C-alpha cells in the first residue's frame, strides 16, 4: 500500500525524530576509565594469589566472647580508668622489693636444727672410720749370742766410744766375705740391731746377704773371732773365708 506523495514528507520527518529519540534513550553510558591489564599479568596474579581470603562473619544472634580477665581478681594491675590511663602507683616499683625484704623475719631460727643434724653426721663418720691395723714387731735383721754381746760391749766402751758396723765385701774364691769396722756415725740407710744394751749397725748394701744371721764369738788355740751362722749361704769355700748367697747363685 503506497501513501500519496503529499504525505511522504511528513512521514519521513516523523521517522527521523522517532529514531533520534530512541537513540538518545537507549544510548549506553560511558565506561569508566579503568587501566587495562594484560593477560599475562592477570595469569601471574592468579598463580601467586593465596586461596585463603579471610572474611568476617556477622552473627547478630550470637553474643561476643567475654574478655579474658573477666573473672580475674581485682588488683592494682587490673584496675584501669575510663580514659585508658593506668592508675597512679602508691609506691614506686623499685621500692616495693625493699619493703618486702624488710618485712621478712631474720632466718635465725633455722641455725640450731642445722647444727643438731650436723652432730650425728660427725658421729657416724667417726664410727665408720677404719680402725688402725696393729703393727707386728719386725724380726731383727741379726741376732747376737751372749758371748758376742760381751765382746761387742768391751769393744764399744773404749775411751773414745766406737760404733761397729757389719758388712760384706768381695773377697775369696766364693765371692763375699764378712767385714767388721769401726765408724763414728751410722749411715742414712744402715740397719740398727740393739740387744742387751749393745748396738750394732748393718750396712744397707749387705743387708740382703746378712738378714736372718746369728753373730757369735768363737775362741780356739789359734784365733778368736766373730762368726756368723747365715741361712742365706748357698756355697762357701773350704777355709770358710768366703761364701755365696742364693741371689748370686741365680745370677751366675
C-alpha atoms as a PDB file:
ATOM      1  CA  UNK A   1       0.000   0.000   0.000  1.00  0.00           C
ATOM      2  CA  UNK A   2       1.554   3.274  -1.030  1.00  0.00           C
ATOM      3  CA  UNK A   3       0.957   6.638   0.526  1.00  0.00           C
ATOM      4  CA  UNK A   4       0.155   9.635  -1.544  1.00  0.00           C
ATOM      5  CA  UNK A   5       3.091  11.848  -2.420  1.00  0.00           C
ATOM      6  CA  UNK A   6       1.614  14.739  -0.477  1.00  0.00           C
ATOM      7  CA  UNK A   7       2.041  12.852   2.861  1.00  0.00           C
ATOM      8  CA  UNK A   8       5.568  11.437   2.276  1.00  0.00           C
ATOM      9  CA  UNK A   9       7.473  14.478   3.654  1.00  0.00           C
ATOM     10  CA  UNK A  10       5.602  14.347   6.955  1.00  0.00           C
ATOM     11  CA  UNK A  11       6.222  10.647   7.344  1.00  0.00           C
ATOM     12  CA  UNK A  12       9.966  10.981   6.728  1.00  0.00           C
ATOM     13  CA  UNK A  13      10.361  13.775   9.270  1.00  0.00           C
ATOM     14  CA  UNK A  14       8.383  11.826  11.919  1.00  0.00           C
ATOM     15  CA  UNK A  15      10.526   8.740  11.390  1.00  0.00           C
ATOM     16  CA  UNK A  16      13.705  10.712  11.813  1.00  0.00           C
ATOM     17  CA  UNK A  17      12.549  12.308  15.068  1.00  0.00           C
ATOM     18  CA  UNK A  18      11.484   8.907  16.457  1.00  0.00           C
ATOM     19  CA  UNK A  19      14.841   7.372  15.581  1.00  0.00           C
ATOM     20  CA  UNK A  20      16.706  10.236  17.236  1.00  0.00           C
ATOM     21  CA  UNK A  21      14.657   9.922  20.435  1.00  0.00           C
ATOM     22  CA  UNK A  22      15.223   6.158  20.604  1.00  0.00           C
ATOM     23  CA  UNK A  23      18.960   6.574  20.082  1.00  0.00           C
ATOM     24  CA  UNK A  24      19.165   9.167  22.873  1.00  0.00           C
ATOM     25  CA  UNK A  25      17.139   6.956  25.268  1.00  0.00           C
ATOM     26  CA  UNK A  26      18.987   3.681  24.711  1.00  0.00           C
ATOM     27  CA  UNK A  27      22.478   5.127  24.334  1.00  0.00           C
ATOM     28  CA  UNK A  28      24.881   3.181  26.615  1.00  0.00           C
ATOM     29  CA  UNK A  29      26.506   5.042  29.455  1.00  0.00           C
ATOM     30  CA  UNK A  30      30.178   5.905  29.001  1.00  0.00           C
ATOM     31  CA  UNK A  31      32.608   3.306  30.539  1.00  0.00           C
ATOM     32  CA  UNK A  32      34.776   4.419  33.449  1.00  0.00           C
ATOM     33  CA  UNK A  33      38.450   4.896  32.810  1.00  0.00           C
ATOM     34  CA  UNK A  34      39.972   1.647  34.147  1.00  0.00           C
ATOM     35  CA  UNK A  35      43.587   0.821  33.440  1.00  0.00           C
ATOM     36  CA  UNK A  36      43.870  -2.121  31.122  1.00  0.00           C
ATOM     37  CA  UNK A  37      45.507  -5.314  32.458  1.00  0.00           C
ATOM     38  CA  UNK A  38      47.308  -7.595  30.098  1.00  0.00           C
ATOM     39  CA  UNK A  39      46.506 -11.309  30.026  1.00  0.00           C
ATOM     40  CA  UNK A  40      49.959 -12.395  31.239  1.00  0.00           C
ATOM     41  CA  UNK A  41      49.755 -10.149  34.339  1.00  0.00           C
ATOM     42  CA  UNK A  42      46.302 -11.461  35.142  1.00  0.00           C
ATOM     43  CA  UNK A  43      47.506 -15.064  34.804  1.00  0.00           C
ATOM     44  CA  UNK A  44      50.501 -14.379  37.061  1.00  0.00           C
ATOM     45  CA  UNK A  45      48.321 -12.837  39.772  1.00  0.00           C
ATOM     46  CA  UNK A  46      46.043 -15.872  39.684  1.00  0.00           C
ATOM     47  CA  UNK A  47      49.017 -18.210  40.075  1.00  0.00           C
ATOM     48  CA  UNK A  48      50.594 -16.351  43.015  1.00  0.00           C
ATOM     49  CA  UNK A  49      47.390 -15.489  44.872  1.00  0.00           C
ATOM     50  CA  UNK A  50      46.680 -17.458  48.049  1.00  0.00           C
ATOM     51  CA  UNK A  51      43.446 -19.426  48.216  1.00  0.00           C
ATOM     52  CA  UNK A  52      42.760 -18.253  51.775  1.00  0.00           C
ATOM     53  CA  UNK A  53      40.849 -14.979  51.936  1.00  0.00           C
ATOM     54  CA  UNK A  54      39.817 -14.078  55.490  1.00  0.00           C
ATOM     55  CA  UNK A  55      36.367 -12.662  55.924  1.00  0.00           C
ATOM     56  CA  UNK A  56      34.421 -11.585  58.961  1.00  0.00           C
ATOM     57  CA  UNK A  57      31.156 -13.318  59.657  1.00  0.00           C
ATOM     58  CA  UNK A  58      28.361 -11.172  61.001  1.00  0.00           C
ATOM     59  CA  UNK A  59      26.322 -13.198  63.524  1.00  0.00           C
ATOM     60  CA  UNK A  60      23.805 -10.888  65.168  1.00  0.00           C
ATOM     61  CA  UNK A  61      22.201 -13.700  67.187  1.00  0.00           C
ATOM     62  CA  UNK A  62      25.468 -14.755  68.947  1.00  0.00           C
ATOM     63  CA  UNK A  63      26.878 -12.691  71.804  1.00  0.00           C
ATOM     64  CA  UNK A  64      30.542 -11.694  71.580  1.00  0.00           C
ATOM     65  CA  UNK A  65      33.053 -13.621  73.706  1.00  0.00           C
ATOM     66  CA  UNK A  66      33.703 -12.146  77.159  1.00  0.00           C
ATOM     67  CA  UNK A  67      37.144 -10.662  77.879  1.00  0.00           C
ATOM     68  CA  UNK A  68      39.799 -12.984  79.279  1.00  0.00           C
ATOM     69  CA  UNK A  69      40.249 -11.046  82.503  1.00  0.00           C
ATOM     70  CA  UNK A  70      36.569 -11.142  83.395  1.00  0.00           C
ATOM     71  CA  UNK A  71      36.948 -13.498  86.375  1.00  0.00           C
ATOM     72  CA  UNK A  72      40.380 -12.199  87.439  1.00  0.00           C
ATOM     73  CA  UNK A  73      40.618 -10.783  90.991  1.00  0.00           C
ATOM     74  CA  UNK A  74      40.704  -7.065  91.232  1.00  0.00           C
ATOM     75  CA  UNK A  75      44.078  -5.578  91.944  1.00  0.00           C
ATOM     76  CA  UNK A  76      46.097  -2.504  91.194  1.00  0.00           C
ATOM     77  CA  UNK A  77      47.275  -4.054  87.931  1.00  0.00           C
ATOM     78  CA  UNK A  78      43.768  -4.878  86.658  1.00  0.00           C
ATOM     79  CA  UNK A  79      42.144  -1.548  87.556  1.00  0.00           C
ATOM     80  CA  UNK A  80      42.039   0.917  84.686  1.00  0.00           C
ATOM     81  CA  UNK A  81      40.375   4.288  84.364  1.00  0.00           C
ATOM     82  CA  UNK A  82      37.849   5.102  81.719  1.00  0.00           C
ATOM     83  CA  UNK A  83      40.236   7.109  79.604  1.00  0.00           C
ATOM     84  CA  UNK A  84      42.668   4.125  79.456  1.00  0.00           C
ATOM     85  CA  UNK A  85      45.437   5.561  81.641  1.00  0.00           C
ATOM     86  CA  UNK A  86      46.829   3.306  84.388  1.00  0.00           C
ATOM     87  CA  UNK A  87      46.161   4.335  87.991  1.00  0.00           C
ATOM     88  CA  UNK A  88      48.977   6.070  89.842  1.00  0.00           C
ATOM     89  CA  UNK A  89      51.169   3.778  91.977  1.00  0.00           C
ATOM     90  CA  UNK A  90      51.268   4.434  95.677  1.00  0.00           C
ATOM     91  CA  UNK A  91      54.872   3.226  95.802  1.00  0.00           C
ATOM     92  CA  UNK A  92      57.482   3.062  93.076  1.00  0.00           C
ATOM     93  CA  UNK A  93      58.171  -0.408  91.588  1.00  0.00           C
ATOM     94  CA  UNK A  94      61.797  -0.244  92.718  1.00  0.00           C
ATOM     95  CA  UNK A  95      60.919   0.427  96.353  1.00  0.00           C
ATOM     96  CA  UNK A  96      58.447  -2.473  96.670  1.00  0.00           C
ATOM     97  CA  UNK A  97      61.071  -5.278  96.844  1.00  0.00           C
ATOM     98  CA  UNK A  98      62.947  -3.364  99.548  1.00  0.00           C
ATOM     99  CA  UNK A  99      59.831  -3.237 101.698  1.00  0.00           C
ATOM    100  CA  UNK A 100      59.278  -6.966 101.212  1.00  0.00           C
ATOM    101  CA  UNK A 101      62.829  -7.717 102.322  1.00  0.00           C
ATOM    102  CA  UNK A 102      62.396  -5.549 105.391  1.00  0.00           C
ATOM    103  CA  UNK A 103      59.172  -7.334 106.311  1.00  0.00           C
ATOM    104  CA  UNK A 104      60.767 -10.795 106.148  1.00  0.00           C
ATOM    105  CA  UNK A 105      61.896 -12.053 109.583  1.00  0.00           C
ATOM    106  CA  UNK A 106      65.609 -12.847 110.023  1.00  0.00           C
ATOM    107  CA  UNK A 107      66.415 -16.524 109.419  1.00  0.00           C
ATOM    108  CA  UNK A 108      67.999 -17.178 112.794  1.00  0.00           C
ATOM    109  CA  UNK A 109      65.701 -19.958 113.983  1.00  0.00           C
ATOM    110  CA  UNK A 110      66.897 -22.366 111.257  1.00  0.00           C
ATOM    111  CA  UNK A 111      70.518 -22.412 112.522  1.00  0.00           C
ATOM    112  CA  UNK A 112      70.000 -24.671 115.615  1.00  0.00           C
ATOM    113  CA  UNK A 113      68.324 -27.506 113.622  1.00  0.00           C
ATOM    114  CA  UNK A 114      71.232 -27.486 111.180  1.00  0.00           C
ATOM    115  CA  UNK A 115      73.770 -27.749 113.981  1.00  0.00           C
ATOM    116  CA  UNK A 116      71.765 -30.507 115.651  1.00  0.00           C
ATOM    117  CA  UNK A 117      71.643 -32.500 112.434  1.00  0.00           C
ATOM    118  CA  UNK A 118      75.353 -31.959 111.783  1.00  0.00           C
ATOM    119  CA  UNK A 119      76.367 -33.613 115.055  1.00  0.00           C
ATOM    120  CA  UNK A 120      75.003 -37.080 114.113  1.00  0.00           C
ATOM    121  CA  UNK A 121      76.844 -36.828 110.800  1.00  0.00           C
ATOM    122  CA  UNK A 122      80.136 -36.334 112.638  1.00  0.00           C
ATOM    123  CA  UNK A 123      79.409 -39.242 114.934  1.00  0.00           C
ATOM    124  CA  UNK A 124      78.576 -41.528 112.017  1.00  0.00           C
ATOM    125  CA  UNK A 125      81.753 -40.534 110.200  1.00  0.00           C
ATOM    126  CA  UNK A 126      83.745 -41.255 113.333  1.00  0.00           C
ATOM    127  CA  UNK A 127      82.178 -44.692 113.683  1.00  0.00           C
ATOM    128  CA  UNK A 128      82.740 -45.585 110.029  1.00  0.00           C
ATOM    129  CA  UNK A 129      86.438 -44.622 110.067  1.00  0.00           C
ATOM    130  CA  UNK A 130      88.619 -47.730 109.696  1.00  0.00           C
ATOM    131  CA  UNK A 131      90.452 -48.892 112.782  1.00  0.00           C
ATOM    132  CA  UNK A 132      94.239 -48.732 112.513  1.00  0.00           C
ATOM    133  CA  UNK A 133      95.931 -52.044 111.956  1.00  0.00           C
ATOM    134  CA  UNK A 134      98.157 -53.399 114.671  1.00  0.00           C
ATOM    135  CA  UNK A 135     101.742 -53.492 113.521  1.00  0.00           C
ATOM    136  CA  UNK A 136     103.582 -56.612 114.457  1.00  0.00           C
ATOM    137  CA  UNK A 137     107.102 -56.221 115.790  1.00  0.00           C
ATOM    138  CA  UNK A 138     109.555 -56.729 112.973  1.00  0.00           C
ATOM    139  CA  UNK A 139     112.035 -59.521 113.297  1.00  0.00           C
ATOM    140  CA  UNK A 140     115.590 -58.373 113.928  1.00  0.00           C
ATOM    141  CA  UNK A 141     117.874 -58.427 110.934  1.00  0.00           C
ATOM    142  CA  UNK A 142     120.551 -60.167 113.025  1.00  0.00           C
ATOM    143  CA  UNK A 143     120.698 -61.750 116.488  1.00  0.00           C
ATOM    144  CA  UNK A 144     123.617 -61.756 118.944  1.00  0.00           C
ATOM    145  CA  UNK A 145     124.740 -64.531 121.269  1.00  0.00           C
ATOM    146  CA  UNK A 146     125.655 -63.702 124.900  1.00  0.00           C
ATOM    147  CA  UNK A 147     129.386 -64.090 124.108  1.00  0.00           C
ATOM    148  CA  UNK A 148     129.058 -61.767 121.152  1.00  0.00           C
ATOM    149  CA  UNK A 149     127.228 -59.212 123.306  1.00  0.00           C
ATOM    150  CA  UNK A 150     130.021 -59.211 125.910  1.00  0.00           C
ATOM    151  CA  UNK A 151     132.808 -58.739 123.372  1.00  0.00           C
ATOM    152  CA  UNK A 152     130.903 -56.043 121.450  1.00  0.00           C
ATOM    153  CA  UNK A 153     130.302 -54.159 124.706  1.00  0.00           C
ATOM    154  CA  UNK A 154     134.029 -54.381 125.530  1.00  0.00           C
ATOM    155  CA  UNK A 155     134.950 -53.043 122.060  1.00  0.00           C
ATOM    156  CA  UNK A 156     132.498 -50.135 122.123  1.00  0.00           C
ATOM    157  CA  UNK A 157     133.247 -48.957 125.684  1.00  0.00           C
ATOM    158  CA  UNK A 158     136.653 -47.543 124.914  1.00  0.00           C
ATOM    159  CA  UNK A 159     137.924 -44.130 125.909  1.00  0.00           C
ATOM    160  CA  UNK A 160     136.552 -42.639 122.702  1.00  0.00           C
ATOM    161  CA  UNK A 161     133.271 -44.592 122.196  1.00  0.00           C
ATOM    162  CA  UNK A 162     133.235 -46.561 118.975  1.00  0.00           C
ATOM    163  CA  UNK A 163     130.464 -47.930 116.799  1.00  0.00           C
ATOM    164  CA  UNK A 164     130.690 -51.261 114.989  1.00  0.00           C
ATOM    165  CA  UNK A 165     129.218 -51.839 111.545  1.00  0.00           C
ATOM    166  CA  UNK A 166     128.911 -55.246 109.889  1.00  0.00           C
ATOM    167  CA  UNK A 167     129.120 -55.517 106.119  1.00  0.00           C
ATOM    168  CA  UNK A 168     130.381 -57.689 103.274  1.00  0.00           C
ATOM    169  CA  UNK A 169     132.994 -57.173 100.612  1.00  0.00           C
ATOM    170  CA  UNK A 170     134.134 -59.005  97.532  1.00  0.00           C
ATOM    171  CA  UNK A 171     136.819 -61.398  98.687  1.00  0.00           C
ATOM    172  CA  UNK A 172     137.820 -65.060  98.424  1.00  0.00           C
ATOM    173  CA  UNK A 173     137.010 -67.726  95.891  1.00  0.00           C
ATOM    174  CA  UNK A 174     133.244 -67.746  96.545  1.00  0.00           C
ATOM    175  CA  UNK A 175     132.740 -64.008  96.166  1.00  0.00           C
ATOM    176  CA  UNK A 176     131.731 -62.494  99.554  1.00  0.00           C
ATOM    177  CA  UNK A 177     133.338 -62.193 102.976  1.00  0.00           C
ATOM    178  CA  UNK A 178     132.235 -60.541 106.244  1.00  0.00           C
ATOM    179  CA  UNK A 179     133.738 -57.207 107.162  1.00  0.00           C
ATOM    180  CA  UNK A 180     133.648 -55.503 110.616  1.00  0.00           C
ATOM    181  CA  UNK A 181     134.790 -51.919 111.006  1.00  0.00           C
ATOM    182  CA  UNK A 182     134.644 -49.019 113.426  1.00  0.00           C
ATOM    183  CA  UNK A 183     132.577 -45.989 112.419  1.00  0.00           C
ATOM    184  CA  UNK A 184     131.953 -42.614 114.009  1.00  0.00           C
ATOM    185  CA  UNK A 185     128.338 -42.241 112.818  1.00  0.00           C
ATOM    186  CA  UNK A 186     125.861 -44.570 111.178  1.00  0.00           C
ATOM    187  CA  UNK A 187     124.825 -44.181 107.564  1.00  0.00           C
ATOM    188  CA  UNK A 188     121.433 -42.880 106.476  1.00  0.00           C
ATOM    189  CA  UNK A 189     120.098 -46.285 105.402  1.00  0.00           C
ATOM    190  CA  UNK A 190     122.018 -48.522 107.816  1.00  0.00           C
ATOM    191  CA  UNK A 191     120.004 -51.068 109.813  1.00  0.00           C
ATOM    192  CA  UNK A 192     120.312 -50.870 113.613  1.00  0.00           C
ATOM    193  CA  UNK A 193     120.407 -54.009 115.766  1.00  0.00           C
ATOM    194  CA  UNK A 194     120.106 -53.360 119.512  1.00  0.00           C
ATOM    195  CA  UNK A 195     120.230 -56.203 122.014  1.00  0.00           C
ATOM    196  CA  UNK A 196     121.068 -56.340 125.750  1.00  0.00           C
ATOM    197  CA  UNK A 197     122.276 -52.755 125.809  1.00  0.00           C
ATOM    198  CA  UNK A 198     124.678 -53.019 122.850  1.00  0.00           C
ATOM    199  CA  UNK A 199     124.137 -51.617 119.395  1.00  0.00           C
ATOM    200  CA  UNK A 200     125.450 -52.916 116.073  1.00  0.00           C
ATOM    201  CA  UNK A 201     124.838 -51.417 112.623  1.00  0.00           C
ATOM    202  CA  UNK A 202     124.437 -53.355 109.383  1.00  0.00           C
ATOM    203  CA  UNK A 203     125.495 -51.854 106.075  1.00  0.00           C
ATOM    204  CA  UNK A 204     122.491 -51.234 103.830  1.00  0.00           C
ATOM    205  CA  UNK A 205     124.310 -52.784 100.858  1.00  0.00           C
ATOM    206  CA  UNK A 206     124.944 -56.019 102.807  1.00  0.00           C
ATOM    207  CA  UNK A 207     121.527 -56.297 104.443  1.00  0.00           C
ATOM    208  CA  UNK A 208     120.170 -58.750 101.878  1.00  0.00           C
ATOM    209  CA  UNK A 209     123.159 -61.076 102.390  1.00  0.00           C
ATOM    210  CA  UNK A 210     123.178 -60.915 106.226  1.00  0.00           C
ATOM    211  CA  UNK A 211     119.485 -60.747 107.147  1.00  0.00           C
ATOM    212  CA  UNK A 212     118.463 -63.563 109.487  1.00  0.00           C
ATOM    213  CA  UNK A 213     122.048 -64.372 110.569  1.00  0.00           C
ATOM    214  CA  UNK A 214     123.339 -65.056 114.088  1.00  0.00           C
ATOM    215  CA  UNK A 215     126.527 -63.365 115.264  1.00  0.00           C
ATOM    216  CA  UNK A 216     128.679 -65.344 117.708  1.00  0.00           C
ATOM    217  CA  UNK A 217     132.126 -65.166 119.309  1.00  0.00           C
ATOM    218  CA  UNK A 218     134.460 -68.158 118.926  1.00  0.00           C
ATOM    219  CA  UNK A 219     137.875 -68.737 120.551  1.00  0.00           C
ATOM    220  CA  UNK A 220     140.405 -71.533 119.875  1.00  0.00           C
ATOM    221  CA  UNK A 221     144.133 -72.069 120.253  1.00  0.00           C
ATOM    222  CA  UNK A 222     144.958 -70.282 117.036  1.00  0.00           C
ATOM    223  CA  UNK A 223     142.488 -67.358 116.946  1.00  0.00           C
ATOM    224  CA  UNK A 224     139.474 -65.629 118.463  1.00  0.00           C
ATOM    225  CA  UNK A 225     136.950 -64.126 116.093  1.00  0.00           C
ATOM    226  CA  UNK A 226     133.304 -63.348 115.324  1.00  0.00           C
ATOM    227  CA  UNK A 227     131.461 -65.933 113.249  1.00  0.00           C
ATOM    228  CA  UNK A 228     128.086 -65.774 111.507  1.00  0.00           C
ATOM    229  CA  UNK A 229     125.528 -68.519 111.131  1.00  0.00           C
ATOM    230  CA  UNK A 230     123.927 -67.324 107.885  1.00  0.00           C
ATOM    231  CA  UNK A 231     120.872 -69.199 106.470  1.00  0.00           C
ATOM    232  CA  UNK A 232     121.238 -67.404 103.120  1.00  0.00           C
ATOM    233  CA  UNK A 233     124.524 -69.099 102.208  1.00  0.00           C
ATOM    234  CA  UNK A 234     124.363 -71.383  99.199  1.00  0.00           C
ATOM    235  CA  UNK A 235     128.064 -72.228  98.853  1.00  0.00           C
ATOM    236  CA  UNK A 236     131.242 -71.384 100.736  1.00  0.00           C
ATOM    237  CA  UNK A 237     134.889 -72.153 100.302  1.00  0.00           C
ATOM    238  CA  UNK A 238     136.713 -74.879 102.233  1.00  0.00           C
ATOM    239  CA  UNK A 239     138.517 -72.466 104.540  1.00  0.00           C
ATOM    240  CA  UNK A 240     135.247 -70.729 105.399  1.00  0.00           C
ATOM    241  CA  UNK A 241     136.547 -67.297 104.475  1.00  0.00           C
ATOM    242  CA  UNK A 242     134.101 -66.505 101.650  1.00  0.00           C
ATOM    243  CA  UNK A 243     130.576 -67.522 100.786  1.00  0.00           C
ATOM    244  CA  UNK A 244     127.856 -67.160  98.156  1.00  0.00           C
ATOM    245  CA  UNK A 245     124.184 -66.406  98.794  1.00  0.00           C
ATOM    246  CA  UNK A 246     121.177 -67.645  96.813  1.00  0.00           C
ATOM    247  CA  UNK A 247     120.692 -64.496  94.756  1.00  0.00           C
ATOM    248  CA  UNK A 248     124.273 -64.529  93.498  1.00  0.00           C
ATOM    249  CA  UNK A 249     123.982 -68.218  92.679  1.00  0.00           C
ATOM    250  CA  UNK A 250     120.976 -67.435  90.480  1.00  0.00           C
ATOM    251  CA  UNK A 251     122.940 -64.765  88.586  1.00  0.00           C
ATOM    252  CA  UNK A 252     125.998 -66.935  87.956  1.00  0.00           C
END
